[in-house]
N, C-alpha and C. Protein backbone atom coordinates (compact mmCIF):
# COMPACT_ATOMS: atom_id res chain seq x y z
N MET A 1 -29.17 -7.80 181.03
CA MET A 1 -28.74 -7.13 179.81
C MET A 1 -28.16 -8.18 178.85
N ALA A 2 -28.46 -8.05 177.60
CA ALA A 2 -28.01 -9.00 176.58
C ALA A 2 -26.55 -8.82 176.26
N VAL A 3 -25.81 -9.92 176.25
CA VAL A 3 -24.38 -9.89 175.97
C VAL A 3 -24.09 -10.97 174.93
N PRO A 4 -23.30 -10.70 173.90
CA PRO A 4 -23.00 -11.73 172.90
C PRO A 4 -22.29 -12.93 173.53
N LYS A 5 -22.71 -14.13 173.17
CA LYS A 5 -22.11 -15.34 173.75
C LYS A 5 -20.71 -15.57 173.20
N ARG A 6 -20.50 -15.26 171.88
CA ARG A 6 -19.18 -15.42 171.28
C ARG A 6 -18.85 -14.20 170.44
N LYS A 7 -17.55 -14.00 170.25
CA LYS A 7 -17.08 -12.86 169.43
C LYS A 7 -17.45 -13.08 167.98
N VAL A 8 -17.91 -12.05 167.34
CA VAL A 8 -18.24 -12.14 165.92
C VAL A 8 -16.89 -11.97 165.15
N SER A 9 -16.61 -12.93 164.25
CA SER A 9 -15.34 -12.90 163.56
C SER A 9 -15.29 -11.69 162.61
N GLY A 10 -14.07 -11.34 162.27
CA GLY A 10 -13.86 -10.19 161.37
C GLY A 10 -14.47 -10.41 160.01
N ALA A 11 -14.36 -11.65 159.48
CA ALA A 11 -14.90 -11.95 158.18
C ALA A 11 -16.42 -11.82 158.18
N ARG A 12 -17.07 -12.33 159.23
CA ARG A 12 -18.54 -12.26 159.32
C ARG A 12 -19.00 -10.81 159.46
N ARG A 13 -18.26 -10.06 160.31
CA ARG A 13 -18.63 -8.65 160.49
C ARG A 13 -18.43 -7.84 159.18
N ASP A 14 -17.33 -8.10 158.50
CA ASP A 14 -17.04 -7.36 157.24
C ASP A 14 -18.02 -7.70 156.14
N LYS A 15 -18.43 -9.00 156.05
CA LYS A 15 -19.46 -9.37 155.09
C LYS A 15 -20.73 -8.61 155.28
N ARG A 16 -21.12 -8.44 156.51
CA ARG A 16 -22.34 -7.72 156.83
C ARG A 16 -22.24 -6.25 156.46
N ARG A 17 -21.07 -5.64 156.67
CA ARG A 17 -20.88 -4.22 156.42
C ARG A 17 -20.59 -3.92 154.92
N SER A 18 -20.24 -4.92 154.15
CA SER A 18 -19.78 -4.64 152.77
C SER A 18 -20.89 -4.14 151.86
N ASN A 19 -22.15 -4.47 152.11
CA ASN A 19 -23.22 -4.06 151.21
C ASN A 19 -23.56 -2.61 151.29
N ASN A 20 -23.13 -1.91 152.36
CA ASN A 20 -23.51 -0.55 152.54
C ASN A 20 -22.63 0.44 151.75
N SER A 21 -21.50 -0.02 151.30
CA SER A 21 -20.53 0.91 150.64
C SER A 21 -20.35 0.62 149.15
N LYS A 22 -21.32 0.04 148.52
CA LYS A 22 -21.22 -0.21 147.07
C LYS A 22 -21.40 1.07 146.31
N LEU A 23 -20.54 1.29 145.29
CA LEU A 23 -20.61 2.48 144.47
C LEU A 23 -21.63 2.28 143.39
N ALA A 24 -22.39 3.35 143.07
CA ALA A 24 -23.31 3.33 141.97
C ALA A 24 -22.63 3.88 140.71
N ALA A 25 -23.06 3.40 139.55
CA ALA A 25 -22.50 3.91 138.31
C ALA A 25 -22.98 5.35 138.10
N PRO A 26 -22.14 6.21 137.50
CA PRO A 26 -22.56 7.59 137.28
C PRO A 26 -23.68 7.68 136.27
N VAL A 27 -24.60 8.60 136.51
CA VAL A 27 -25.72 8.77 135.61
C VAL A 27 -25.26 9.53 134.38
N LEU A 28 -25.54 8.98 133.19
CA LEU A 28 -25.14 9.65 131.96
C LEU A 28 -26.38 10.24 131.26
N VAL A 29 -26.21 11.47 130.72
CA VAL A 29 -27.30 12.10 130.01
C VAL A 29 -26.73 12.59 128.64
N GLN A 30 -27.59 12.89 127.70
CA GLN A 30 -27.15 13.35 126.41
C GLN A 30 -26.92 14.85 126.45
N CYS A 31 -25.86 15.28 125.81
CA CYS A 31 -25.59 16.69 125.63
C CYS A 31 -26.64 17.24 124.64
N PRO A 32 -27.36 18.32 124.99
CA PRO A 32 -28.38 18.83 124.08
C PRO A 32 -27.84 19.38 122.78
N LYS A 33 -26.57 19.78 122.80
CA LYS A 33 -25.99 20.36 121.59
C LYS A 33 -25.39 19.32 120.62
N CYS A 34 -24.54 18.40 121.17
CA CYS A 34 -23.86 17.44 120.28
C CYS A 34 -24.30 15.99 120.47
N LYS A 35 -25.27 15.76 121.37
CA LYS A 35 -25.83 14.42 121.63
C LYS A 35 -24.77 13.41 122.13
N GLU A 36 -23.68 13.90 122.70
CA GLU A 36 -22.69 13.02 123.32
C GLU A 36 -23.12 12.68 124.72
N LEU A 37 -22.78 11.48 125.20
CA LEU A 37 -23.10 11.10 126.57
C LEU A 37 -22.15 11.72 127.55
N ILE A 38 -22.66 12.47 128.57
CA ILE A 38 -21.88 13.14 129.54
C ILE A 38 -22.48 12.92 130.94
N THR A 39 -21.70 13.18 132.01
CA THR A 39 -22.28 13.14 133.33
C THR A 39 -23.10 14.38 133.56
N ALA A 40 -24.15 14.28 134.33
CA ALA A 40 -25.10 15.39 134.54
C ALA A 40 -24.43 16.55 135.22
N HIS A 41 -24.82 17.76 134.89
CA HIS A 41 -24.35 19.01 135.50
C HIS A 41 -22.85 19.23 135.36
N ARG A 42 -22.28 18.86 134.20
CA ARG A 42 -20.88 19.08 133.92
C ARG A 42 -20.75 19.68 132.52
N VAL A 43 -19.65 20.35 132.24
CA VAL A 43 -19.40 20.91 130.91
C VAL A 43 -19.10 19.72 129.98
N CYS A 44 -19.68 19.76 128.79
CA CYS A 44 -19.48 18.69 127.80
C CYS A 44 -18.04 18.76 127.30
N PRO A 45 -17.28 17.67 127.43
CA PRO A 45 -15.88 17.67 126.96
C PRO A 45 -15.80 17.70 125.41
N ALA A 46 -16.85 17.29 124.71
CA ALA A 46 -16.80 17.22 123.29
C ALA A 46 -17.01 18.61 122.63
N CYS A 47 -18.05 19.34 123.12
CA CYS A 47 -18.35 20.65 122.46
C CYS A 47 -18.14 21.83 123.39
N GLY A 48 -17.89 21.60 124.68
CA GLY A 48 -17.56 22.69 125.61
C GLY A 48 -18.78 23.50 126.02
N SER A 49 -19.97 22.94 125.92
CA SER A 49 -21.18 23.71 126.28
C SER A 49 -21.72 23.23 127.62
N TYR A 50 -22.43 24.17 128.28
CA TYR A 50 -23.13 23.82 129.53
C TYR A 50 -24.41 24.61 129.52
N ASP A 51 -25.52 23.92 129.73
CA ASP A 51 -26.86 24.53 129.76
C ASP A 51 -27.16 25.29 128.47
N GLY A 52 -26.71 24.74 127.33
CA GLY A 52 -27.00 25.35 126.04
C GLY A 52 -26.09 26.48 125.61
N GLU A 53 -25.15 26.88 126.49
CA GLU A 53 -24.25 28.00 126.15
C GLU A 53 -22.81 27.47 126.10
N GLU A 54 -21.99 28.03 125.17
CA GLU A 54 -20.59 27.63 125.06
C GLU A 54 -19.81 28.23 126.20
N VAL A 55 -19.14 27.37 126.97
CA VAL A 55 -18.43 27.83 128.15
C VAL A 55 -16.93 27.72 127.94
N VAL A 56 -16.50 26.61 127.28
CA VAL A 56 -15.07 26.30 127.12
C VAL A 56 -14.80 26.13 125.63
N LYS A 57 -13.64 26.69 125.20
CA LYS A 57 -13.22 26.46 123.85
C LYS A 57 -12.63 25.04 123.72
N THR A 58 -13.02 24.32 122.70
CA THR A 58 -12.49 22.97 122.54
C THR A 58 -11.39 22.95 121.47
N GLU A 59 -10.65 21.84 121.40
CA GLU A 59 -9.55 21.68 120.46
C GLU A 59 -9.99 21.83 119.00
N LYS A 60 -11.19 21.31 118.68
CA LYS A 60 -11.70 21.37 117.33
C LYS A 60 -11.93 22.83 116.88
N GLU A 61 -12.40 23.70 117.79
CA GLU A 61 -12.65 25.07 117.43
C GLU A 61 -11.39 25.91 117.34
N LYS A 62 -10.36 25.55 118.09
CA LYS A 62 -9.13 26.29 118.09
C LYS A 62 -8.36 26.16 116.75
N LYS A 63 -8.52 25.02 116.10
CA LYS A 63 -7.76 24.75 114.84
C LYS A 63 -8.30 25.49 113.70
């Protein structure tokens, strides 16, 4: 049965494992109503719309 000849150091082990946990940048799409960049499948913070319908009242509309 194969057995490691020497212990793998923590630094070497951690360097090997570090590439698996890199975070990807969030995907940004344009809001169809106001053309603002937003994350996909979220309510637009600028105009308060989701899927073409107004869902949330924004500060601009309240004034």
